[in-house]
Amino acid sequence: MFAALAAAGPVAQLFLVRWTQGAVASSSAASYGTRRQGDMMANTDSRVTIHMAASLDGFIARKDGRVDWLETSDEFSGGDTLDPGFVEEFLKTIDCYVMGSRTYETALRFEAQGLGWSYGDKPTFVLTSRDLPRTRDTVEFYSGDLAQFVNRHLRPTFRTIWFVGGGVVSGECLRLGLADEVRYSILPILIGDGIPFFEQLDRDIALHLAEVKAYKSGMVELCYEVQGHRGEPRNAAT
């Protein structure tokens, strides 16, 4: 079972703040420091997850970055209720977050509006070459080869690595074969145009549907495992 909107991309943050503000354990930062000082042996069971929420037509935000459409009014009587306690416990299992600059700026904007910082004390890596404000010690900026960053820095240090937006970062993660799974929260709305979930894919990506879950809000959660060529698991030996 996986948590609905357990990590915040440009369109997921408002939900995350509303349901789980302050939920992430403060011990995670200390745990991160301990791991960084360790022997840096690779975690053979490390897992890279892409997670975002999107409209039914596949957009994570409007063209100008607005996410005003997040607050939908649908109600599905047969759906599950999103339990804040479960989300809180699930968030503790996420070791770090990775995001692009636009997602980071959205997080800062929400925080400035009094909605809080959505990522708690978890290490948060922002992929950017721009000079952006760093408002907390848990935020680090990176500009360089994404595959090397994931395989040589993140995987040896963390077990659960969550990419939470935006579309260019998610697309690059898939294009380079770095992702193990995609978690997709579909909201009951069509917005017609906007920033797509995945950008700049240059090939087909085969997926295996692992789980489907519907919520009373009308949101549907899809969990896909990323497959390799001809449908074999991405990490299968060739």
Protein backbone atom coordinates (compact mmCIF):
# COMPACT_ATOMS: atom_id res chain seq x y z
CA MET A 1 0.00 0.00 0.00
CA PHE A 2 1.32 3.46 -0.76
CA ALA A 3 0.45 6.89 0.59
CA ALA A 4 -1.65 9.32 -1.35
CA LEU A 5 0.28 12.46 -2.14
CA ALA A 6 3.04 11.42 0.18
CA ALA A 7 5.52 13.80 -1.44
CA ALA A 8 4.94 17.20 -2.90
CA GLY A 9 5.51 18.20 -6.49
CA PRO A 10 4.27 21.50 -7.83
CA VAL A 11 0.67 20.33 -7.63
CA ALA A 12 0.90 18.00 -4.66
CA GLN A 13 2.26 20.41 -2.10
CA LEU A 14 -1.01 22.01 -1.08
CA PHE A 15 -2.44 18.60 -0.21
CA LEU A 16 0.68 17.60 1.64
CA VAL A 17 0.74 20.77 3.71
CA ARG A 18 -2.94 20.54 4.53
CA TRP A 19 -2.85 16.90 5.67
CA THR A 20 0.66 16.34 6.96
CA GLN A 21 2.18 19.65 8.01
CA GLY A 22 4.76 18.93 10.66
CA ALA A 23 4.44 15.18 10.21
CA VAL A 24 7.99 14.28 9.21
CA ALA A 25 10.18 13.12 12.06
CA SER A 26 12.87 15.59 13.07
CA SER A 27 15.31 12.72 13.57
CA SER A 28 15.77 12.33 9.83
CA ALA A 29 18.38 15.07 9.56
CA ALA A 30 20.56 13.40 12.19
CA SER A 31 20.12 10.07 10.44
CA TYR A 32 21.25 11.67 7.18
CA GLY A 33 24.40 13.00 8.82
CA THR A 34 25.23 9.58 10.22
CA ARG A 35 24.83 7.93 6.83
CA ARG A 36 26.99 10.51 5.09
CA GLN A 37 29.83 9.81 7.52
CA GLY A 38 29.59 6.04 6.98
CA ASP A 39 31.44 3.82 4.59
CA MET A 40 29.23 4.89 1.65
CA MET A 41 28.68 1.29 0.54
CA ALA A 42 25.97 1.18 -2.11
CA ASN A 43 22.47 0.24 -0.98
CA THR A 44 21.60 -2.65 -3.23
CA ASP A 45 17.95 -2.20 -2.26
CA SER A 46 17.82 1.56 -2.85
CA ARG A 47 14.75 2.67 -4.75
CA VAL A 48 14.11 5.76 -6.87
CA THR A 49 10.47 6.84 -7.03
CA ILE A 50 8.94 9.53 -9.21
CA HIS A 51 5.83 10.99 -7.62
CA MET A 52 3.57 13.85 -8.63
CA ALA A 53 -0.10 14.66 -8.80
CA ALA A 54 -1.71 15.78 -12.05
CA SER A 55 -4.98 16.56 -13.74
CA LEU A 56 -6.69 13.79 -15.70
CA ASP A 57 -5.22 15.27 -18.90
CA GLY A 58 -1.70 14.94 -17.52
CA PHE A 59 -0.72 18.44 -16.35
CA ILE A 60 1.01 19.16 -13.05
CA ALA A 61 0.43 22.93 -13.15
CA ARG A 62 -0.88 25.64 -15.41
CA LYS A 63 1.58 27.24 -17.85
CA ASP A 64 2.27 30.02 -15.36
CA GLY A 65 2.85 27.54 -12.55
CA ARG A 66 -0.48 28.10 -10.77
CA VAL A 67 -2.10 25.14 -9.02
CA ASP A 68 -5.44 26.72 -8.14
CA TRP A 69 -7.26 23.69 -9.56
CA LEU A 70 -6.00 21.42 -6.77
CA GLU A 71 -9.04 22.03 -4.59
CA THR A 72 -11.56 19.86 -6.41
CA SER A 73 -15.08 19.27 -5.09
CA ASP A 74 -15.66 15.69 -6.24
CA GLU A 75 -16.79 12.97 -3.87
CA PHE A 76 -16.53 9.22 -4.51
CA SER A 77 -18.50 7.30 -1.90
CA GLY A 78 -16.70 4.03 -2.63
CA GLY A 79 -13.24 5.48 -2.10
CA ASP A 80 -10.88 5.29 0.84
CA THR A 81 -10.27 8.12 3.26
CA LEU A 82 -6.77 9.58 3.30
CA ASP A 83 -5.64 8.95 6.86
CA PRO A 84 -3.20 11.62 8.12
CA GLY A 85 -1.70 9.14 10.58
CA PHE A 86 -0.86 6.71 7.80
CA VAL A 87 0.64 9.49 5.67
CA GLU A 88 2.73 10.62 8.64
CA GLU A 89 4.16 7.15 9.11
CA PHE A 90 4.76 6.74 5.39
CA LEU A 91 6.63 10.02 5.14
CA LYS A 92 9.09 8.73 7.72
CA THR A 93 10.12 6.00 5.27
CA ILE A 94 11.25 8.53 2.62
CA ASP A 95 14.95 9.28 3.05
CA CYS A 96 15.36 12.25 0.71
CA TYR A 97 13.65 14.37 -1.95
CA VAL A 98 14.95 15.52 -5.33
CA MET A 99 13.34 18.32 -7.32
CA GLY A 100 13.86 20.92 -10.01
CA SER A 101 14.12 24.64 -9.47
CA ARG A 102 10.48 25.43 -10.31
CA THR A 103 9.24 22.89 -7.77
CA TYR A 104 11.59 24.37 -5.19
CA GLU A 105 10.36 27.88 -5.90
CA THR A 106 6.77 26.65 -5.53
CA ALA A 107 7.68 25.18 -2.14
CA LEU A 108 9.23 28.48 -1.07
CA ARG A 109 6.14 30.36 -2.26
CA PHE A 110 3.82 28.12 -0.25
CA GLU A 111 6.03 28.57 2.78
CA ALA A 112 5.93 32.36 2.38
CA GLN A 113 2.13 32.15 2.30
CA GLY A 114 2.14 30.50 5.71
CA LEU A 115 1.55 26.94 4.49
CA GLY A 116 4.79 25.59 5.90
CA TRP A 117 7.72 23.72 4.42
CA SER A 118 6.42 20.50 2.90
CA TYR A 119 9.54 18.35 3.28
CA GLY A 120 10.16 18.52 7.00
CA ASP A 121 13.75 17.87 7.99
CA LYS A 122 14.44 15.43 5.17
CA PRO A 123 17.45 16.14 2.91
CA THR A 124 16.17 17.99 -0.16
CA PHE A 125 18.27 18.21 -3.32
CA VAL A 126 17.45 20.90 -5.86
CA LEU A 127 18.70 20.35 -9.41
CA THR A 128 19.58 23.77 -10.76
CA SER A 129 22.37 25.95 -12.09
CA ARG A 130 20.58 29.08 -10.90
CA ASP A 131 21.41 31.10 -7.80
CA LEU A 132 18.41 30.37 -5.57
CA PRO A 133 17.84 31.21 -1.89
CA ARG A 134 18.75 28.49 0.60
CA THR A 135 16.43 28.83 3.55
CA ARG A 136 17.43 25.74 5.56
CA ASP A 137 20.43 23.49 6.11
CA THR A 138 18.65 20.42 4.72
CA VAL A 139 18.53 21.94 1.21
CA GLU A 140 21.43 21.32 -1.17
CA PHE A 141 21.82 22.47 -4.77
CA TYR A 142 23.30 20.35 -7.53
CA SER A 143 24.22 21.10 -11.12
CA GLY A 144 25.80 18.38 -13.20
CA ASP A 145 25.33 14.87 -14.50
CA LEU A 146 22.08 13.47 -13.09
CA ALA A 147 23.01 9.80 -13.52
CA GLN A 148 26.27 10.25 -11.63
CA PHE A 149 24.51 12.19 -8.89
CA VAL A 150 21.91 9.45 -8.37
CA ASN A 151 24.19 6.45 -8.72
CA ARG A 152 27.31 7.75 -6.99
CA HIS A 153 25.86 10.04 -4.34
CA LEU A 154 22.21 9.28 -3.61
CA ARG A 155 21.99 5.51 -3.97
CA PRO A 156 25.02 4.80 -1.71
CA THR A 157 23.55 7.10 0.95
CA PHE A 158 19.76 6.64 0.88
CA ARG A 159 17.38 3.71 0.51
CA THR A 160 14.24 5.61 -0.57
CA ILE A 161 14.81 8.48 -3.01
CA TRP A 162 11.80 10.49 -4.15
CA PHE A 163 11.78 12.69 -7.26
CA VAL A 164 8.90 15.10 -6.79
CA GLY A 165 8.94 17.35 -9.85
CA GLY A 166 8.84 18.93 -12.17
CA GLY A 167 8.17 17.54 -15.61
CA VAL A 168 11.66 18.04 -17.04
CA VAL A 169 13.34 16.41 -14.02
CA SER A 170 10.91 13.48 -14.07
CA GLY A 171 11.39 12.99 -17.79
CA GLU A 172 15.17 13.05 -17.48
CA CYS A 173 15.05 10.56 -14.61
CA LEU A 174 13.08 8.14 -16.78
CA ARG A 175 15.09 8.81 -19.95
CA LEU A 176 18.32 7.92 -18.14
CA GLY A 177 16.85 4.74 -16.68
CA LEU A 178 17.20 5.92 -13.08
CA ALA A 179 13.64 5.40 -11.83
CA ASP A 180 12.37 2.17 -10.26
CA GLU A 181 8.73 3.21 -9.96
CA VAL A 182 6.27 5.96 -10.85
CA ARG A 183 3.51 6.97 -8.44
CA TYR A 184 0.84 9.05 -10.14
CA SER A 185 -1.99 10.80 -8.29
CA ILE A 186 -4.77 11.72 -10.74
CA LEU A 187 -7.14 14.47 -9.67
CA PRO A 188 -10.73 14.60 -11.00
CA ILE A 189 -10.29 17.63 -13.23
CA LEU A 190 -9.28 18.61 -16.77
CA ILE A 191 -7.42 21.88 -17.18
CA GLY A 192 -6.80 21.82 -20.94
CA ASP A 193 -3.21 23.04 -21.01
CA GLY A 194 -0.24 23.40 -18.71
CA ILE A 195 3.06 21.88 -17.68
CA PRO A 196 3.05 18.15 -18.51
CA PHE A 197 3.92 15.43 -16.01
CA PHE A 198 6.82 14.22 -18.18
CA GLU A 199 8.81 16.35 -20.61
CA GLN A 200 11.50 15.55 -23.16
CA LEU A 201 11.12 11.77 -23.26
CA ASP A 202 12.90 10.41 -26.33
CA ARG A 203 11.63 6.81 -26.24
CA ASP A 204 8.83 4.61 -24.97
CA ILE A 205 9.01 3.63 -21.30
CA ALA A 206 7.38 0.29 -20.49
CA LEU A 207 5.58 0.16 -17.14
CA HIS A 208 3.96 -2.54 -15.01
CA LEU A 209 0.85 -1.56 -13.04
CA ALA A 210 1.48 -2.63 -9.44
CA GLU A 211 -1.37 -0.94 -7.54
CA VAL A 212 -4.51 1.16 -7.99
CA LYS A 213 -6.31 3.00 -5.21
CA ALA A 214 -9.29 5.37 -5.27
CA TYR A 215 -10.06 7.95 -2.59
CA LYS A 216 -13.26 9.65 -1.47
CA SER A 217 -11.96 12.93 -2.90
CA GLY A 218 -12.16 11.40 -6.39
CA MET A 219 -8.40 11.16 -6.62
CA VAL A 220 -6.96 7.92 -8.02
CA GLU A 221 -3.48 6.68 -7.13
CA LEU A 222 -1.56 4.59 -9.66
CA CYS A 223 1.71 2.85 -8.87
CA TYR A 224 3.79 1.59 -11.81
CA GLU A 225 7.05 -0.33 -11.77
CA VAL A 226 9.45 0.79 -14.49
CA GLN A 227 10.25 -2.02 -16.93
CA GLY A 228 13.24 -2.59 -19.18
CA HIS A 229 13.27 -3.45 -22.86
CA ARG A 230 10.71 -6.04 -24.00
CA GLY A 231 8.94 -5.78 -20.66
CA GLU A 232 11.59 -7.20 -18.31
CA PRO A 233 12.13 -5.42 -14.97
CA ARG A 234 14.43 -2.43 -15.27
CA ASN A 235 17.10 -3.95 -13.02
CA ALA A 236 17.01 -7.43 -14.54
CA ALA A 237 20.30 -8.83 -15.76
CA THR A 238 20.78 -8.78 -19.52
